């Protein structure tokens, strides 16, 4: 019984640190900078990320790795994304117009 309980705790713990995937079904409209502190992938399905007046729109903290696949941005990627703190953090993107990345300190 102890073994099963321990095994379940380990599985739950590992799933808590697994990467999350968010599938957009419409444009993502932000009203303020989105702070992301855990690994996540956004599947854009051709939809846009919009944030009027945000600078940056996305701020990556806590060494997180964030990837945007097929998300359209209405402004330049590098001006909209900032990676703080931990040198392991990064944000990457890939769509039919461009691909690239920003690492710690990049804006």
C-alpha atoms as a PDB file:
ATOM      1  CA  UNK A   1       0.000   0.000   0.000  1.00  0.00           C
ATOM      2  CA  UNK A   2       2.846   2.405   0.828  1.00  0.00           C
ATOM      3  CA  UNK A   3       4.402   1.715  -2.562  1.00  0.00           C
ATOM      4  CA  UNK A   4       1.202   2.588  -4.451  1.00  0.00           C
ATOM      5  CA  UNK A   5       0.714   5.782  -2.450  1.00  0.00           C
ATOM      6  CA  UNK A   6       4.347   6.850  -3.023  1.00  0.00           C
ATOM      7  CA  UNK A   7       4.071   6.043  -6.729  1.00  0.00           C
ATOM      8  CA  UNK A   8       0.899   8.143  -7.047  1.00  0.00           C
ATOM      9  CA  UNK A   9       2.567  11.088  -5.286  1.00  0.00           C
ATOM     10  CA  UNK A  10       5.538  10.909  -7.664  1.00  0.00           C
ATOM     11  CA  UNK A  11       3.268  10.766 -10.740  1.00  0.00           C
ATOM     12  CA  UNK A  12       1.211  13.722  -9.505  1.00  0.00           C
ATOM     13  CA  UNK A  13       4.395  15.696  -8.741  1.00  0.00           C
ATOM     14  CA  UNK A  14       5.839  15.044 -12.187  1.00  0.00           C
ATOM     15  CA  UNK A  15       2.620  16.039 -13.898  1.00  0.00           C
ATOM     16  CA  UNK A  16       2.625  19.326 -11.965  1.00  0.00           C
ATOM     17  CA  UNK A  17       5.937  20.223 -13.642  1.00  0.00           C
ATOM     18  CA  UNK A  18       4.936  19.100 -17.135  1.00  0.00           C
ATOM     19  CA  UNK A  19       4.658  21.642 -19.904  1.00  0.00           C
ATOM     20  CA  UNK A  20       1.200  23.055 -20.557  1.00  0.00           C
ATOM     21  CA  UNK A  21      -0.212  23.570 -24.051  1.00  0.00           C
ATOM     22  CA  UNK A  22      -2.795  26.254 -24.758  1.00  0.00           C
ATOM     23  CA  UNK A  23      -4.714  26.046 -28.041  1.00  0.00           C
ATOM     24  CA  UNK A  24      -6.143  29.373 -29.156  1.00  0.00           C
ATOM     25  CA  UNK A  25      -9.621  29.291 -30.680  1.00  0.00           C
ATOM     26  CA  UNK A  26      -9.825  33.070 -31.155  1.00  0.00           C
ATOM     27  CA  UNK A  27      -7.585  36.129 -30.919  1.00  0.00           C
ATOM     28  CA  UNK A  28      -5.988  36.526 -27.477  1.00  0.00           C
ATOM     29  CA  UNK A  29      -6.619  40.118 -26.380  1.00  0.00           C
ATOM     30  CA  UNK A  30      -4.613  41.236 -23.338  1.00  0.00           C
ATOM     31  CA  UNK A  31      -5.227  44.414 -21.353  1.00  0.00           C
ATOM     32  CA  UNK A  32      -1.870  44.333 -19.541  1.00  0.00           C
ATOM     33  CA  UNK A  33       1.490  42.569 -19.688  1.00  0.00           C
ATOM     34  CA  UNK A  34       1.084  38.813 -19.319  1.00  0.00           C
ATOM     35  CA  UNK A  35       3.629  37.384 -16.860  1.00  0.00           C
ATOM     36  CA  UNK A  36       4.473  33.737 -17.511  1.00  0.00           C
ATOM     37  CA  UNK A  37       6.496  31.857 -14.891  1.00  0.00           C
ATOM     38  CA  UNK A  38       6.035  28.229 -16.019  1.00  0.00           C
ATOM     39  CA  UNK A  39       6.791  26.345 -19.228  1.00  0.00           C
ATOM     40  CA  UNK A  40       3.974  26.692 -21.754  1.00  0.00           C
ATOM     41  CA  UNK A  41       3.306  26.344 -25.478  1.00  0.00           C
ATOM     42  CA  UNK A  42       0.694  28.437 -27.277  1.00  0.00           C
ATOM     43  CA  UNK A  43      -0.705  26.869 -30.448  1.00  0.00           C
ATOM     44  CA  UNK A  44      -2.091  29.880 -32.246  1.00  0.00           C
ATOM     45  CA  UNK A  45      -3.961  28.170 -35.051  1.00  0.00           C
ATOM     46  CA  UNK A  46      -3.449  31.421 -37.015  1.00  0.00           C
ATOM     47  CA  UNK A  47      -5.016  33.662 -34.359  1.00  0.00           C
ATOM     48  CA  UNK A  48      -3.461  36.919 -33.112  1.00  0.00           C
ATOM     49  CA  UNK A  49      -2.064  38.088 -29.806  1.00  0.00           C
ATOM     50  CA  UNK A  50      -3.183  41.689 -29.266  1.00  0.00           C
ATOM     51  CA  UNK A  51      -2.187  44.006 -26.427  1.00  0.00           C
ATOM     52  CA  UNK A  52      -2.680  47.700 -27.104  1.00  0.00           C
ATOM     53  CA  UNK A  53      -0.363  49.844 -24.979  1.00  0.00           C
ATOM     54  CA  UNK A  54       1.578  46.903 -23.529  1.00  0.00           C
ATOM     55  CA  UNK A  55       5.356  47.138 -23.441  1.00  0.00           C
ATOM     56  CA  UNK A  56       6.190  44.295 -23.297  1.00  0.00           C
ATOM     57  CA  UNK A  57       3.100  42.175 -23.926  1.00  0.00           C
ATOM     58  CA  UNK A  58       4.796  39.017 -22.599  1.00  0.00           C
ATOM     59  CA  UNK A  59       7.220  38.890 -19.649  1.00  0.00           C
ATOM     60  CA  UNK A  60       8.898  35.538 -18.929  1.00  0.00           C
ATOM     61  CA  UNK A  61      10.091  34.935 -15.345  1.00  0.00           C
ATOM     62  CA  UNK A  62      11.380  32.087 -13.186  1.00  0.00           C
ATOM     63  CA  UNK A  63      13.461  30.507 -15.981  1.00  0.00           C
ATOM     64  CA  UNK A  64      10.357  29.457 -17.915  1.00  0.00           C
ATOM     65  CA  UNK A  65      10.459  28.310 -21.524  1.00  0.00           C
ATOM     66  CA  UNK A  66       7.582  29.668 -23.603  1.00  0.00           C
ATOM     67  CA  UNK A  67       6.873  28.808 -27.232  1.00  0.00           C
ATOM     68  CA  UNK A  68       4.383  30.424 -29.626  1.00  0.00           C
ATOM     69  CA  UNK A  69       3.516  28.193 -32.579  1.00  0.00           C
ATOM     70  CA  UNK A  70       1.417  29.763 -35.332  1.00  0.00           C
ATOM     71  CA  UNK A  71       0.500  32.844 -33.269  1.00  0.00           C
ATOM     72  CA  UNK A  72       0.304  36.118 -35.188  1.00  0.00           C
ATOM     73  CA  UNK A  73       1.644  39.186 -33.402  1.00  0.00           C
ATOM     74  CA  UNK A  74       0.542  42.659 -34.451  1.00  0.00           C
ATOM     75  CA  UNK A  75       3.924  44.133 -33.463  1.00  0.00           C
ATOM     76  CA  UNK A  76       7.548  43.044 -33.627  1.00  0.00           C
ATOM     77  CA  UNK A  77       8.266  39.910 -31.599  1.00  0.00           C
ATOM     78  CA  UNK A  78      11.386  41.239 -29.918  1.00  0.00           C
ATOM     79  CA  UNK A  79       9.714  44.459 -28.747  1.00  0.00           C
ATOM     80  CA  UNK A  80       6.788  42.544 -27.288  1.00  0.00           C
ATOM     81  CA  UNK A  81       8.670  39.908 -25.292  1.00  0.00           C
ATOM     82  CA  UNK A  82      11.026  40.222 -22.363  1.00  0.00           C
ATOM     83  CA  UNK A  83      12.799  37.481 -20.398  1.00  0.00           C
ATOM     84  CA  UNK A  84      13.709  38.359 -16.795  1.00  0.00           C
ATOM     85  CA  UNK A  85      15.953  36.793 -14.198  1.00  0.00           C
ATOM     86  CA  UNK A  86      17.074  33.211 -14.609  1.00  0.00           C
ATOM     87  CA  UNK A  87      19.452  32.802 -17.578  1.00  0.00           C
ATOM     88  CA  UNK A  88      17.700  29.559 -18.508  1.00  0.00           C
ATOM     89  CA  UNK A  89      14.443  31.321 -19.451  1.00  0.00           C
ATOM     90  CA  UNK A  90      13.520  31.874 -23.085  1.00  0.00           C
ATOM     91  CA  UNK A  91      10.678  32.577 -25.453  1.00  0.00           C
ATOM     92  CA  UNK A  92      10.550  31.187 -28.991  1.00  0.00           C
ATOM     93  CA  UNK A  93       8.133  31.589 -31.869  1.00  0.00           C
ATOM     94  CA  UNK A  94       7.483  29.971 -35.196  1.00  0.00           C
ATOM     95  CA  UNK A  95       4.857  30.905 -37.755  1.00  0.00           C
ATOM     96  CA  UNK A  96       4.630  31.208 -41.522  1.00  0.00           C
ATOM     97  CA  UNK A  97       6.261  34.696 -41.437  1.00  0.00           C
ATOM     98  CA  UNK A  98       9.240  34.158 -39.128  1.00  0.00           C
ATOM     99  CA  UNK A  99      10.870  32.156 -36.391  1.00  0.00           C
ATOM    100  CA  UNK A 100      13.167  33.242 -33.592  1.00  0.00           C
ATOM    101  CA  UNK A 101      13.836  33.533 -29.898  1.00  0.00           C
ATOM    102  CA  UNK A 102      14.565  35.911 -27.036  1.00  0.00           C
ATOM    103  CA  UNK A 103      16.631  34.891 -24.045  1.00  0.00           C
ATOM    104  CA  UNK A 104      17.261  36.590 -20.705  1.00  0.00           C
ATOM    105  CA  UNK A 105      17.659  40.338 -20.985  1.00  0.00           C
ATOM    106  CA  UNK A 106      16.340  40.515 -24.537  1.00  0.00           C
ATOM    107  CA  UNK A 107      13.599  42.936 -25.436  1.00  0.00           C
END
